[in-house]
C-alpha atoms as a PDB file:
ATOM      1  CA  MET A   1       0.008  -0.006   0.016  1.00  0.00           C
ATOM      2  CA  THR A   2       1.211   3.441  -0.813  1.00  0.00           C
ATOM      3  CA  ASP A   3       0.985   6.663   1.148  1.00  0.00           C
ATOM      4  CA  GLY A   4      -1.867   8.956   0.108  1.00  0.00           C
ATOM      5  CA  ARG A   5      -1.378  11.598  -2.492  1.00  0.00           C
ATOM      6  CA  ILE A   6      -3.370  13.972  -4.570  1.00  0.00           C
ATOM      7  CA  GLU A   7      -2.918  15.131  -8.174  1.00  0.00           C
ATOM      8  CA  GLY A   8      -4.797  17.774  -9.988  1.00  0.00           C
ATOM      9  CA  ALA A   9      -5.580  18.328 -13.654  1.00  0.00           C
ATOM     10  CA  ALA A  10      -7.953  20.668 -15.450  1.00  0.00           C
ATOM     11  CA  GLY A  11     -11.268  20.297 -13.529  1.00  0.00           C
ATOM     12  CA  GLU A  12     -10.188  17.121 -11.770  1.00  0.00           C
ATOM     13  CA  LEU A  13      -8.758  16.180  -8.430  1.00  0.00           C
ATOM     14  CA  ARG A  14      -7.479  12.556  -8.091  1.00  0.00           C
ATOM     15  CA  MET A  15      -6.925  10.860  -4.744  1.00  0.00           C
ATOM     16  CA  PHE A  16      -4.439   7.902  -4.441  1.00  0.00           C
ATOM     17  CA  GLY A  17      -3.108   5.502  -1.864  1.00  0.00           C
ATOM     18  CA  VAL A  18      -3.962   5.199   1.759  1.00  0.00           C
ATOM     19  CA  LEU A  19      -6.034   7.924   3.331  1.00  0.00           C
ATOM     20  CA  ASP A  20      -5.631   7.984   7.079  1.00  0.00           C
ATOM     21  CA  TYR A  21      -4.634  10.251   9.994  1.00  0.00           C
ATOM     22  CA  ARG A  22      -1.027  10.205   8.951  1.00  0.00           C
ATOM     23  CA  SER A  23      -1.525  11.302   5.410  1.00  0.00           C
ATOM     24  CA  ALA A  24      -4.471  13.600   6.004  1.00  0.00           C
ATOM     25  CA  PRO A  25      -2.712  16.880   6.973  1.00  0.00           C
ATOM     26  CA  ALA A  26      -0.494  16.970   3.931  1.00  0.00           C
ATOM     27  CA  LEU A  27      -3.323  15.829   1.603  1.00  0.00           C
ATOM     28  CA  ARG A  28      -5.656  18.488   3.014  1.00  0.00           C
ATOM     29  CA  ARG A  29      -3.134  21.240   2.252  1.00  0.00           C
ATOM     30  CA  ALA A  30      -2.338  19.861  -1.257  1.00  0.00           C
ATOM     31  CA  GLY A  31      -5.964  19.430  -2.209  1.00  0.00           C
ATOM     32  CA  GLN A  32      -6.949  22.850  -0.885  1.00  0.00           C
ATOM     33  CA  ALA A  33      -4.203  24.491  -2.957  1.00  0.00           C
ATOM     34  CA  LEU A  34      -5.128  22.539  -6.109  1.00  0.00           C
ATOM     35  CA  ILE A  35      -8.810  23.562  -5.715  1.00  0.00           C
ATOM     36  CA  ARG A  36      -7.965  27.151  -4.988  1.00  0.00           C
ATOM     37  CA  ASP A  37      -5.655  27.384  -8.061  1.00  0.00           C
ATOM     38  CA  GLY A  38      -8.044  25.563 -10.387  1.00  0.00           C
ATOM     39  CA  GLN A  39      -9.701  27.554 -13.115  1.00  0.00           C
ATOM     40  CA  SER A  40     -12.503  25.243 -14.106  1.00  0.00           C
ATOM     41  CA  ALA A  41     -16.224  25.907 -13.209  1.00  0.00           C
ATOM     42  CA  GLU A  42     -16.605  22.242 -12.421  1.00  0.00           C
ATOM     43  CA  LEU A  43     -14.568  19.934 -10.221  1.00  0.00           C
ATOM     44  CA  ARG A  44     -14.600  16.130 -10.497  1.00  0.00           C
ATOM     45  CA  ILE A  45     -13.063  14.326  -7.574  1.00  0.00           C
ATOM     46  CA  ASP A  46     -11.899  10.862  -8.645  1.00  0.00           C
ATOM     47  CA  CYS A  47     -11.299   8.287  -5.883  1.00  0.00           C
ATOM     48  CA  ALA A  48     -10.397   5.388  -8.116  1.00  0.00           C
ATOM     49  CA  GLY A  49      -6.772   5.348  -6.905  1.00  0.00           C
ATOM     50  CA  VAL A  50      -7.687   5.066  -3.257  1.00  0.00           C
ATOM     51  CA  GLU A  51      -6.357   1.833  -1.915  1.00  0.00           C
ATOM     52  CA  LYS A  52      -7.709   2.104   1.649  1.00  0.00           C
ATOM     53  CA  SER A  53      -9.457   4.779   3.673  1.00  0.00           C
ATOM     54  CA  SER A  54     -10.537   5.420   7.222  1.00  0.00           C
ATOM     55  CA  SER A  55     -13.196   7.883   8.142  1.00  0.00           C
ATOM     56  CA  VAL A  56     -10.410  10.472   7.720  1.00  0.00           C
ATOM     57  CA  GLY A  57     -10.494   9.861   3.960  1.00  0.00           C
ATOM     58  CA  LEU A  58     -14.228  10.632   3.932  1.00  0.00           C
ATOM     59  CA  SER A  59     -13.687  13.758   6.006  1.00  0.00           C
ATOM     60  CA  LEU A  60     -11.014  14.990   3.481  1.00  0.00           C
ATOM     61  CA  LEU A  61     -13.448  14.366   0.656  1.00  0.00           C
ATOM     62  CA  LEU A  62     -16.141  16.402   2.403  1.00  0.00           C
ATOM     63  CA  CYS A  63     -13.636  19.194   2.981  1.00  0.00           C
ATOM     64  CA  PHE A  64     -12.699  19.209  -0.674  1.00  0.00           C
ATOM     65  CA  VAL A  65     -16.343  19.370  -1.684  1.00  0.00           C
ATOM     66  CA  ARG A  66     -16.976  22.250   0.664  1.00  0.00           C
ATOM     67  CA  ASP A  67     -13.842  24.086  -0.623  1.00  0.00           C
ATOM     68  CA  ALA A  68     -14.871  23.837  -4.220  1.00  0.00           C
ATOM     69  CA  LYS A  69     -18.600  24.808  -3.487  1.00  0.00           C
ATOM     70  CA  LYS A  70     -17.305  27.880  -1.634  1.00  0.00           C
ATOM     71  CA  LEU A  71     -15.582  28.943  -4.904  1.00  0.00           C
ATOM     72  CA  GLY A  72     -18.786  28.433  -6.816  1.00  0.00           C
ATOM     73  CA  ARG A  73     -17.741  25.240  -8.553  1.00  0.00           C
ATOM     74  CA  ASP A  74     -20.058  22.357  -9.432  1.00  0.00           C
ATOM     75  CA  VAL A  75     -18.671  19.195  -7.763  1.00  0.00           C
ATOM     76  CA  SER A  76     -19.059  15.531  -8.412  1.00  0.00           C
ATOM     77  CA  VAL A  77     -17.381  12.538  -6.800  1.00  0.00           C
ATOM     78  CA  ILE A  78     -16.640   9.468  -8.913  1.00  0.00           C
ATOM     79  CA  ASN A  79     -15.270   6.033  -8.169  1.00  0.00           C
ATOM     80  CA  LEU A  80     -15.855   6.118  -4.404  1.00  0.00           C
ATOM     81  CA  PRO A  81     -14.363   2.859  -3.073  1.00  0.00           C
ATOM     82  CA  GLN A  82     -16.493   0.326  -1.202  1.00  0.00           C
ATOM     83  CA  ASP A  83     -14.966   1.120   2.222  1.00  0.00           C
ATOM     84  CA  MET A  84     -15.585   4.802   1.824  1.00  0.00           C
ATOM     85  CA  GLN A  85     -19.178   4.096   0.639  1.00  0.00           C
ATOM     86  CA  GLN A  86     -19.811   1.951   3.726  1.00  0.00           C
ATOM     87  CA  ILE A  87     -18.488   4.609   6.056  1.00  0.00           C
ATOM     88  CA  ALA A  88     -20.616   7.258   4.278  1.00  0.00           C
ATOM     89  CA  ARG A  89     -23.667   4.999   4.470  1.00  0.00           C
ATOM     90  CA  VAL A  90     -23.263   4.311   8.221  1.00  0.00           C
ATOM     91  CA  SER A  91     -22.575   8.043   8.829  1.00  0.00           C
ATOM     92  CA  GLY A  92     -25.643   9.148   6.903  1.00  0.00           C
ATOM     93  CA  LEU A  93     -23.468  11.017   4.357  1.00  0.00           C
ATOM     94  CA  LEU A  94     -24.352   9.284   1.116  1.00  0.00           C
ATOM     95  CA  ASP A  95     -27.056  11.877   0.545  1.00  0.00           C
ATOM     96  CA  VAL A  96     -24.586  14.760   1.294  1.00  0.00           C
ATOM     97  CA  LEU A  97     -21.895  13.646  -1.156  1.00  0.00           C
ATOM     98  CA  PRO A  98     -22.412  14.769  -4.806  1.00  0.00           C
ATOM     99  CA  LEU A  99     -21.897  11.188  -6.139  1.00  0.00           C
ATOM    100  CA  ALA A 100     -21.937  10.478  -9.805  1.00  0.00           C
ATOM    101  CA  ASN A 101     -22.285   7.001 -11.285  1.00  0.00           C
ATOM    102  CA  ASP A 102     -18.935   5.606 -12.474  1.00  0.00           C
ATOM    103  CA  MET A 103     -18.274   3.020 -15.143  1.00  0.00           C
ATOM    104  CA  SER A 104     -18.540   0.085 -12.812  1.00  0.00           C
ATOM    105  CA  GLY A 105     -22.021   1.044 -11.642  1.00  0.00           C
ATOM    106  CA  ASN A 106     -20.835   1.882  -8.107  1.00  0.00           C
ATOM    107  CA  VAL A 107     -22.293   4.936  -6.343  1.00  0.00           C
END
């Protein structure tokens, strides 16, 4: 398993690796900067590269959604892994996340 990291591209933020309490502070800063510096009216957050996530990963995702919405961007989350879906379901957050269907049919 690899440490968590975030990459940005035009209108997209991609999350990779393990999202936990150790990786969260650096990921939060990096994601916040990428969102702030982005020029697109829309932001798609792709979680396909997430290998493992605790509730901290879901918290990061919610922070990124909030950051983008504050800047007036339309946000969608794609490829949310099963472990993050389960945490969101138990926490009652599935309806809060702007989830989009991905190619595998997961939401």
